[in-house]
Amino acid sequence: MKANKFIISALCLSLGAMTLAGCQDKAAPAKEGAEQAPAAAAPQENDAAPAAAPDKVTMNVTGAGASFPQPIYVQWAQGFLEKAGGQVNYQSIGSSGGVKQIVAKTVDFGATDSPMSAEELDKEGLVQFPTVIGGVVPIVNIEGVEAGALKLTGDVLAQIYLGDITKWNDPKIAELNPDLTLPDENIVTVFRSDGSGTSFIFTNYLSQVSAKWKDTVGADKTVKWPTAQTGTAGKGNEGVATYVGRVKNSIGYVEYAYAKQNNMAHTQLQNAAGQFVQPSQETFAAAADVDWSSTKGFNLVLTNQPSDNAWPLASATFILVHKNPANLDNTKAALTFFDWAFKEGDDMAKGLDYVPLPANVKDLVRKEWEQVVGQDGKPLYVGN
């Protein structure tokens, strides 16, 4: 397949999915039962040095799910193909689709940004583990407003999506931004049309900062958007980004890599500590300084963390595999791929403004993989 650079375009919308092994260059880019992350005892260091690449392998693994991590899975899959010879194909269909497909055993791994609860994992016979940390960012298309210039609080953001604030020059927005000239124009909200972990992260945050949002809308991968009559729905992070890029005076929410790689104007947000912060690897990492061993299946939500420097819309993204897979070879190959990514893929992740997992968390993940067993009851893959 001819290599294609990942860009936000109408073509991405019409294709609806990407084959990771055919992509190269830099990629653009609680549901009920999920636990809010507790503070960690101390931060950990990343892996000190990359391990040697595995021997050349022959495999063709298929995964599907969240669009949030698609940019990094594109890069990892291309690197794995070149260095190890294995092909990994991933379809960006949204977190809900990823969960449905892995439960139905139509893919080798599923991907979700909305972690499944311990009860759900046990019911479906699944193992869940994080891969990277990232962040969801509000993006705007307002003439004269550059990236990182507009300040919003969580409550104001909720009021915009509730339809209670309808103009960009509303006094509540203007008060936060005395140095900006904001237009007397209607705000067009953009949201996801598909079942989305990114929407879960966004609505989970709004539920924490707005009692009205929590009581009338709630947090889930799919919600009834209050501004549906005046707003626009897009499929995937790429769909939301495309609509915000086209529609003047609009606001949407996407994973940060989609905003940064496509020169979109993100906003600042006020965090739980009362500080206005910018999205960055540093603010995502501050939100992810938690005790990952505190809950089964790494079922932690990182929104609205108390750290002074935490980005309030930070999130991990997760992979799902079966404990007793039907296709042993492909599941083993999938774990081989993610172990390779943990060893060799940190710089790729940083290049797209994701935060790699700390070394101790990677070790916890490898321990979790021991639950994935073959017909003899022994671990299918032992990471090292």
Protein backbone atom coordinates (compact mmCIF):
# COMPACT_ATOMS: atom_id res chain seq x y z
CA MET A 1 0.00 0.00 0.00
CA LYS A 2 1.30 3.45 -0.79
CA ALA A 3 2.20 5.38 2.39
CA ASN A 4 -0.04 8.27 3.28
CA LYS A 5 0.53 11.11 5.71
CA PHE A 6 -2.26 11.33 8.29
CA ILE A 7 -4.04 14.67 7.87
CA ILE A 8 -7.42 16.03 8.77
CA SER A 9 -9.36 16.19 5.54
CA ALA A 10 -12.62 15.29 3.90
CA LEU A 11 -10.86 12.19 2.58
CA CYS A 12 -10.34 10.94 6.14
CA LEU A 13 -14.05 11.35 6.77
CA SER A 14 -15.06 9.43 3.67
CA LEU A 15 -12.66 6.57 4.36
CA GLY A 16 -13.73 6.26 7.99
CA ALA A 17 -10.72 4.11 8.93
CA MET A 18 -7.00 3.81 8.37
CA THR A 19 -4.66 0.86 7.89
CA LEU A 20 -1.78 1.63 10.20
CA ALA A 21 0.84 -0.37 8.42
CA GLY A 22 0.34 1.81 5.36
CA CYS A 23 0.90 5.14 7.10
CA GLN A 24 4.09 6.98 7.81
CA ASP A 25 5.45 10.40 8.82
CA LYS A 26 4.09 12.16 11.88
CA ALA A 27 0.44 11.44 12.38
CA ALA A 28 -2.08 14.16 13.09
CA PRO A 29 -3.99 12.78 15.01
CA ALA A 30 -16.37 7.27 34.02
CA LYS A 31 -18.58 5.69 32.10
CA GLU A 32 -20.40 4.36 35.14
CA GLY A 33 -18.07 2.14 37.13
CA ALA A 34 -14.83 3.94 36.23
CA GLU A 35 -12.94 5.27 39.22
CA GLN A 36 -11.49 8.76 39.57
CA ALA A 37 -7.73 8.43 39.93
CA PRO A 38 -6.23 8.83 43.42
CA ALA A 39 -2.97 10.72 43.91
CA ALA A 40 0.23 8.70 43.66
CA ALA A 41 2.90 8.46 46.30
CA ALA A 42 5.65 9.66 43.96
CA PRO A 43 6.28 10.11 40.23
CA GLN A 44 8.34 7.52 38.37
CA GLU A 45 11.01 7.78 35.71
CA ASN A 46 10.49 6.59 32.13
CA ASP A 47 12.46 3.66 30.75
CA ALA A 48 16.15 4.51 30.73
CA ALA A 49 16.98 3.03 27.32
CA PRO A 50 15.17 1.27 24.48
CA ALA A 51 15.46 -2.48 24.22
CA ALA A 52 16.58 -4.27 21.11
CA ALA A 53 13.92 -4.86 18.47
CA PRO A 54 12.40 -8.34 18.36
CA ASP A 55 13.33 -10.81 15.69
CA LYS A 56 11.48 -10.42 12.43
CA VAL A 57 7.97 -11.77 12.82
CA THR A 58 5.27 -12.79 10.40
CA MET A 59 1.83 -11.64 11.48
CA ASN A 60 -1.22 -9.63 10.50
CA VAL A 61 -3.05 -8.30 13.56
CA THR A 62 -6.30 -6.31 13.47
CA GLY A 63 -7.57 -3.86 16.07
CA ALA A 64 -10.33 -1.25 16.19
CA GLY A 65 -11.71 1.41 18.44
CA ALA A 66 -10.86 4.85 19.82
CA SER A 67 -9.74 7.66 17.52
CA PHE A 68 -7.93 9.37 20.44
CA PRO A 69 -4.80 7.15 20.12
CA GLN A 70 -4.90 6.66 16.35
CA PRO A 71 -1.99 9.05 15.61
CA ILE A 72 0.43 7.14 17.85
CA TYR A 73 -0.82 3.72 16.75
CA VAL A 74 -0.12 4.84 13.17
CA GLN A 75 3.49 5.62 14.04
CA TRP A 76 4.02 2.56 16.19
CA ALA A 77 2.63 0.24 13.53
CA GLN A 78 4.83 1.75 10.84
CA GLY A 79 7.90 1.40 13.04
CA PHE A 80 6.99 -2.16 13.98
CA LEU A 81 6.52 -3.06 10.32
CA GLU A 82 9.92 -1.65 9.39
CA LYS A 83 11.90 -3.02 12.34
CA ALA A 84 10.14 -6.26 13.20
CA GLY A 85 8.25 -7.12 10.03
CA GLY A 86 4.85 -7.44 11.67
CA GLN A 87 1.75 -5.80 10.25
CA VAL A 88 -0.81 -4.19 12.56
CA ASN A 89 -4.04 -2.85 11.08
CA TYR A 90 -6.16 -0.47 13.15
CA GLN A 91 -9.57 1.07 12.38
CA SER A 92 -10.59 4.30 14.08
CA ILE A 93 -14.28 3.64 14.74
CA GLY A 94 -14.75 5.10 18.21
CA SER A 95 -14.48 3.54 21.65
CA SER A 96 -17.97 2.06 21.62
CA GLY A 97 -17.20 0.25 18.36
CA GLY A 98 -13.89 -1.00 19.73
CA VAL A 99 -15.56 -2.53 22.79
CA LYS A 100 -18.31 -4.12 20.68
CA GLN A 101 -15.85 -5.66 18.23
CA ILE A 102 -13.51 -7.17 20.82
CA VAL A 103 -16.49 -8.58 22.74
CA ALA A 104 -17.76 -10.09 19.48
CA LYS A 105 -14.25 -11.45 18.77
CA THR A 106 -14.14 -9.87 15.32
CA VAL A 107 -10.79 -8.14 16.08
CA ASP A 108 -7.63 -9.20 17.90
CA PHE A 109 -7.69 -6.15 20.19
CA GLY A 110 -10.11 -3.37 20.97
CA ALA A 111 -9.31 0.18 22.01
CA THR A 112 -11.23 2.51 24.30
CA ASP A 113 -10.69 5.79 26.13
CA SER A 114 -13.53 4.98 28.54
CA PRO A 115 -12.14 2.23 30.78
CA MET A 116 -14.31 -0.78 31.44
CA SER A 117 -15.13 -1.59 35.06
CA ALA A 118 -13.78 -4.67 36.81
CA GLU A 119 -17.25 -6.20 36.64
CA GLU A 120 -17.51 -5.63 32.89
CA LEU A 121 -14.04 -7.05 32.30
CA ASP A 122 -14.87 -10.18 34.28
CA LYS A 123 -18.20 -10.62 32.50
CA GLU A 124 -16.62 -10.45 29.03
CA GLY A 125 -13.39 -12.26 29.94
CA LEU A 126 -11.17 -9.33 29.01
CA VAL A 127 -7.85 -7.88 30.11
CA GLN A 128 -7.50 -4.08 29.96
CA PHE A 129 -4.31 -2.02 30.01
CA PRO A 130 -3.25 1.59 29.25
CA THR A 131 -0.82 2.47 26.47
CA VAL A 132 -0.18 6.24 26.63
CA ILE A 133 -1.47 9.38 28.34
CA GLY A 134 -2.91 12.24 26.33
CA GLY A 135 -5.35 15.09 26.60
CA VAL A 136 -8.59 16.31 25.13
CA VAL A 137 -8.61 20.01 24.25
CA PRO A 138 -11.35 22.47 23.33
CA ILE A 139 -10.65 23.97 19.89
CA VAL A 140 -12.20 27.13 18.44
CA ASN A 141 -12.49 28.89 15.11
CA ILE A 142 -12.77 32.58 16.01
CA GLU A 143 -11.25 35.21 13.75
CA GLY A 144 -8.19 36.78 15.37
CA VAL A 145 -8.01 34.29 18.26
CA GLU A 146 -4.78 32.29 18.19
CA ALA A 147 -3.95 28.94 19.76
CA GLY A 148 -3.82 29.12 23.54
CA ALA A 149 -5.19 32.66 23.76
CA LEU A 150 -8.79 32.07 24.83
CA LYS A 151 -9.38 31.25 28.51
CA LEU A 152 -12.33 29.17 29.65
CA THR A 153 -13.42 27.75 32.97
CA GLY A 154 -15.10 24.38 33.21
CA ASP A 155 -18.38 25.99 34.20
CA VAL A 156 -18.33 28.37 31.21
CA LEU A 157 -17.47 25.49 28.87
CA ALA A 158 -20.43 23.55 30.26
CA GLN A 159 -22.73 26.54 29.81
CA ILE A 160 -21.66 26.81 26.15
CA TYR A 161 -22.52 23.16 25.51
CA LEU A 162 -25.74 23.46 27.53
CA GLY A 163 -26.80 26.34 25.29
CA ASP A 164 -26.91 28.79 28.20
CA ILE A 165 -24.10 30.86 26.68
CA THR A 166 -24.77 31.46 23.00
CA LYS A 167 -22.55 34.43 21.98
CA TRP A 168 -18.77 34.69 21.96
CA ASN A 169 -18.93 38.16 23.53
CA ASP A 170 -21.09 36.95 26.41
CA PRO A 171 -20.00 38.77 29.62
CA LYS A 172 -18.91 35.51 31.26
CA ILE A 173 -16.44 34.80 28.43
CA ALA A 174 -15.40 38.44 28.05
CA GLU A 175 -14.60 38.72 31.76
CA LEU A 176 -12.11 35.86 31.47
CA ASN A 177 -10.52 37.39 28.34
CA PRO A 178 -10.18 41.19 28.78
CA ASP A 179 -7.34 41.35 26.23
CA LEU A 180 -9.31 39.65 23.43
CA THR A 181 -11.85 41.23 21.10
CA LEU A 182 -14.59 38.63 20.84
CA PRO A 183 -17.28 38.85 18.15
CA ASP A 184 -21.01 39.33 18.67
CA GLU A 185 -21.61 36.05 16.87
CA ASN A 186 -23.52 32.88 17.71
CA ILE A 187 -21.43 30.00 19.04
CA VAL A 188 -21.66 26.79 16.99
CA THR A 189 -20.93 23.71 19.08
CA VAL A 190 -19.38 20.65 17.44
CA PHE A 191 -19.60 17.23 19.08
CA ARG A 192 -19.23 13.56 18.24
CA SER A 193 -21.83 11.63 16.27
CA ASP A 194 -20.38 8.22 17.24
CA GLY A 195 -19.92 6.42 20.54
CA SER A 196 -16.73 8.06 21.70
CA GLY A 197 -14.25 7.74 24.54
CA THR A 198 -13.23 11.33 23.79
CA SER A 199 -16.84 12.34 24.46
CA PHE A 200 -16.73 10.32 27.67
CA ILE A 201 -13.65 12.22 28.85
CA PHE A 202 -15.25 15.56 27.89
CA THR A 203 -18.62 14.85 29.50
CA ASN A 204 -17.04 13.26 32.57
CA TYR A 205 -15.15 16.51 33.12
CA LEU A 206 -18.23 18.67 32.55
CA SER A 207 -20.14 16.53 35.05
CA GLN A 208 -17.51 17.32 37.67
CA VAL A 209 -17.52 21.08 37.15
CA SER A 210 -21.22 21.68 36.45
CA ALA A 211 -24.04 20.34 38.60
CA LYS A 212 -26.53 21.22 35.88
CA TRP A 213 -24.58 19.20 33.30
CA LYS A 214 -24.32 16.26 35.67
CA ASP A 215 -28.06 16.30 36.41
CA THR A 216 -29.36 16.91 32.88
CA VAL A 217 -26.79 15.34 30.53
CA GLY A 218 -24.32 13.20 32.46
CA ALA A 219 -21.15 11.41 31.37
CA ASP A 220 -21.01 8.70 28.72
CA LYS A 221 -19.59 7.82 25.33
CA THR A 222 -22.88 8.94 23.77
CA VAL A 223 -25.12 11.64 25.26
CA LYS A 224 -28.07 13.73 24.19
CA TRP A 225 -26.37 17.00 23.30
CA PRO A 226 -28.40 20.04 24.49
CA THR A 227 -27.18 22.11 21.51
CA ALA A 228 -28.01 19.47 18.90
CA GLN A 229 -30.46 21.81 17.11
CA THR A 230 -27.87 24.55 16.56
CA GLY A 231 -24.64 22.52 16.57
CA THR A 232 -22.95 20.02 14.27
CA ALA A 233 -21.89 16.40 14.82
CA GLY A 234 -18.71 14.87 13.42
CA LYS A 235 -17.51 11.27 13.33
CA GLY A 236 -14.24 10.66 15.12
CA ASN A 237 -11.73 13.21 16.33
CA GLU A 238 -10.97 13.86 12.67
CA GLY A 239 -14.62 14.69 11.95
CA VAL A 240 -14.89 17.18 14.80
CA ALA A 241 -11.59 18.80 13.82
CA THR A 242 -12.70 19.11 10.21
CA TYR A 243 -15.99 20.78 11.10
CA VAL A 244 -14.37 23.24 13.51
CA GLY A 245 -11.85 24.10 10.80
CA ARG A 246 -14.64 24.84 8.34
CA VAL A 247 -17.30 26.50 10.49
CA LYS A 248 -16.65 30.06 11.68
CA ASN A 249 -17.29 30.81 15.37
CA SER A 250 -17.40 27.13 16.26
CA ILE A 251 -16.03 25.20 19.22
CA GLY A 252 -15.28 21.48 19.49
CA TYR A 253 -13.11 19.02 21.42
CA VAL A 254 -10.41 16.68 20.11
CA GLU A 255 -7.31 14.83 21.23
CA TYR A 256 -4.42 17.29 21.40
CA ALA A 257 -2.39 15.74 18.57
CA TYR A 258 -5.25 16.47 16.13
CA ALA A 259 -5.22 20.13 17.19
CA LYS A 260 -1.47 20.62 17.19
CA GLN A 261 -0.62 18.75 14.00
CA ASN A 262 -3.29 20.71 12.11
CA ASN A 263 -2.55 24.15 13.60
CA MET A 264 -5.91 24.51 15.29
CA ALA A 265 -6.61 27.04 18.04
CA HIS A 266 -6.94 25.28 21.38
CA THR A 267 -8.03 27.06 24.55
CA GLN A 268 -6.60 27.38 28.02
CA LEU A 269 -8.63 25.82 30.83
CA GLN A 270 -8.85 26.58 34.51
CA ASN A 271 -7.99 23.44 36.48
CA ALA A 272 -9.17 22.17 39.85
CA ALA A 273 -6.42 24.15 41.59
CA GLY A 274 -7.74 27.37 40.05
CA GLN A 275 -4.84 27.77 37.62
CA PHE A 276 -5.23 28.49 33.91
CA VAL A 277 -3.09 25.91 32.11
CA GLN A 278 -2.14 25.04 28.55
CA PRO A 279 -2.26 21.48 27.18
CA SER A 280 1.23 19.95 27.06
CA GLN A 281 3.14 16.82 27.91
CA GLU A 282 3.96 18.41 31.27
CA THR A 283 0.35 19.17 32.21
CA PHE A 284 -0.84 15.75 30.98
CA ALA A 285 1.89 14.07 33.05
CA ALA A 286 0.90 16.09 36.12
CA ALA A 287 -2.64 14.74 35.81
CA ALA A 288 -1.34 11.19 35.36
CA ASP A 289 0.71 11.17 38.57
CA VAL A 290 -1.58 8.58 40.17
CA ASP A 291 -1.43 5.13 41.73
CA TRP A 292 -2.12 2.81 38.79
CA SER A 293 -2.11 -0.27 41.02
CA SER A 294 -5.06 1.01 43.06
CA THR A 295 -7.82 -0.54 40.95
CA LYS A 296 -8.35 -3.67 38.88
CA GLY A 297 -7.92 -3.30 35.14
CA PHE A 298 -6.25 0.14 35.49
CA ASN A 299 -9.77 1.56 35.65
CA LEU A 300 -8.77 5.17 36.40
CA VAL A 301 -10.15 8.45 35.08
CA LEU A 302 -7.67 11.35 35.05
CA THR A 303 -10.02 14.33 34.56
CA ASN A 304 -9.96 17.29 36.96
CA GLN A 305 -6.97 16.14 39.02
CA PRO A 306 -5.93 18.39 41.94
CA SER A 307 -2.32 19.11 40.94
CA ASP A 308 -1.46 22.80 40.36
CA ASN A 309 -0.17 22.02 36.88
CA ALA A 310 -2.67 19.33 35.81
CA TRP A 311 -4.56 19.60 32.52
CA PRO A 312 -8.20 18.99 33.53
CA LEU A 313 -9.06 16.95 30.42
CA ALA A 314 -6.19 14.45 30.60
CA SER A 315 -6.80 10.76 29.92
CA ALA A 316 -5.17 7.42 29.43
CA THR A 317 -6.21 5.30 26.47
CA PHE A 318 -6.72 1.54 26.86
CA ILE A 319 -6.39 -1.75 24.98
CA LEU A 320 -8.66 -4.78 25.47
CA VAL A 321 -7.77 -8.42 24.72
CA HIS A 322 -9.43 -11.69 25.67
CA LYS A 323 -8.08 -13.72 28.59
CA ASN A 324 -8.77 -16.91 26.65
CA PRO A 325 -8.46 -15.81 23.02
CA ALA A 326 -9.81 -17.84 20.15
CA ASN A 327 -6.84 -16.91 17.95
CA LEU A 328 -3.81 -17.56 20.14
CA ASP A 329 -1.23 -16.55 17.54
CA ASN A 330 -2.81 -13.19 16.77
CA THR A 331 -3.34 -12.26 20.40
CA LYS A 332 0.24 -13.18 21.22
CA ALA A 333 1.33 -11.06 18.25
CA ALA A 334 -0.75 -8.12 19.50
CA LEU A 335 0.95 -8.27 22.90
CA THR A 336 4.31 -8.55 21.15
CA PHE A 337 3.48 -5.34 19.28
CA PHE A 338 2.54 -3.37 22.39
CA ASP A 339 5.60 -4.66 24.27
CA TRP A 340 7.75 -3.47 21.36
CA ALA A 341 5.97 -0.10 21.50
CA PHE A 342 6.68 0.20 25.24
CA LYS A 343 10.39 -0.39 24.56
CA GLU A 344 10.87 1.48 21.29
CA GLY A 345 7.95 3.87 20.95
CA ASP A 346 8.38 6.50 23.68
CA ASP A 347 10.04 9.06 21.40
CA MET A 348 7.29 8.59 18.82
CA ALA A 349 4.69 9.22 21.52
CA LYS A 350 6.45 12.35 22.75
CA GLY A 351 6.70 13.64 19.19
CA LEU A 352 2.90 13.62 19.05
CA ASP A 353 2.53 15.14 22.54
CA TYR A 354 1.41 11.96 24.24
CA VAL A 355 3.02 10.99 27.55
CA PRO A 356 4.62 7.52 27.61
CA LEU A 357 3.79 5.31 30.55
CA PRO A 358 6.41 5.35 33.33
CA ALA A 359 8.60 2.26 33.56
CA ASN A 360 6.87 0.97 36.71
CA VAL A 361 3.45 1.21 35.04
CA LYS A 362 4.72 -0.70 31.99
CA ASP A 363 5.87 -3.43 34.36
CA LEU A 364 2.39 -3.51 35.93
CA VAL A 365 0.91 -3.89 32.44
CA ARG A 366 3.25 -6.77 31.60
CA LYS A 367 2.19 -8.47 34.82
CA GLU A 368 -1.45 -8.02 33.75
CA TRP A 369 -0.69 -9.78 30.45
CA GLU A 370 -0.03 -12.99 32.39
CA GLN A 371 -3.82 -13.35 32.66
CA VAL A 372 -3.94 -13.97 28.90
CA VAL A 373 -3.41 -17.72 28.63
CA GLY A 374 -3.27 -20.48 26.08
CA GLN A 375 -5.04 -23.83 26.11
CA ASP A 376 -2.48 -25.13 28.59
CA GLY A 377 -3.36 -22.40 31.07
CA LYS A 378 0.08 -20.81 30.83
CA PRO A 379 0.67 -17.12 29.95
CA LEU A 380 0.50 -16.64 26.20
CA TYR A 381 3.13 -13.90 26.23
CA VAL A 382 5.62 -12.87 28.91
CA GLY A 383 6.88 -9.33 28.48
CA ASN A 384 10.43 -8.41 29.35
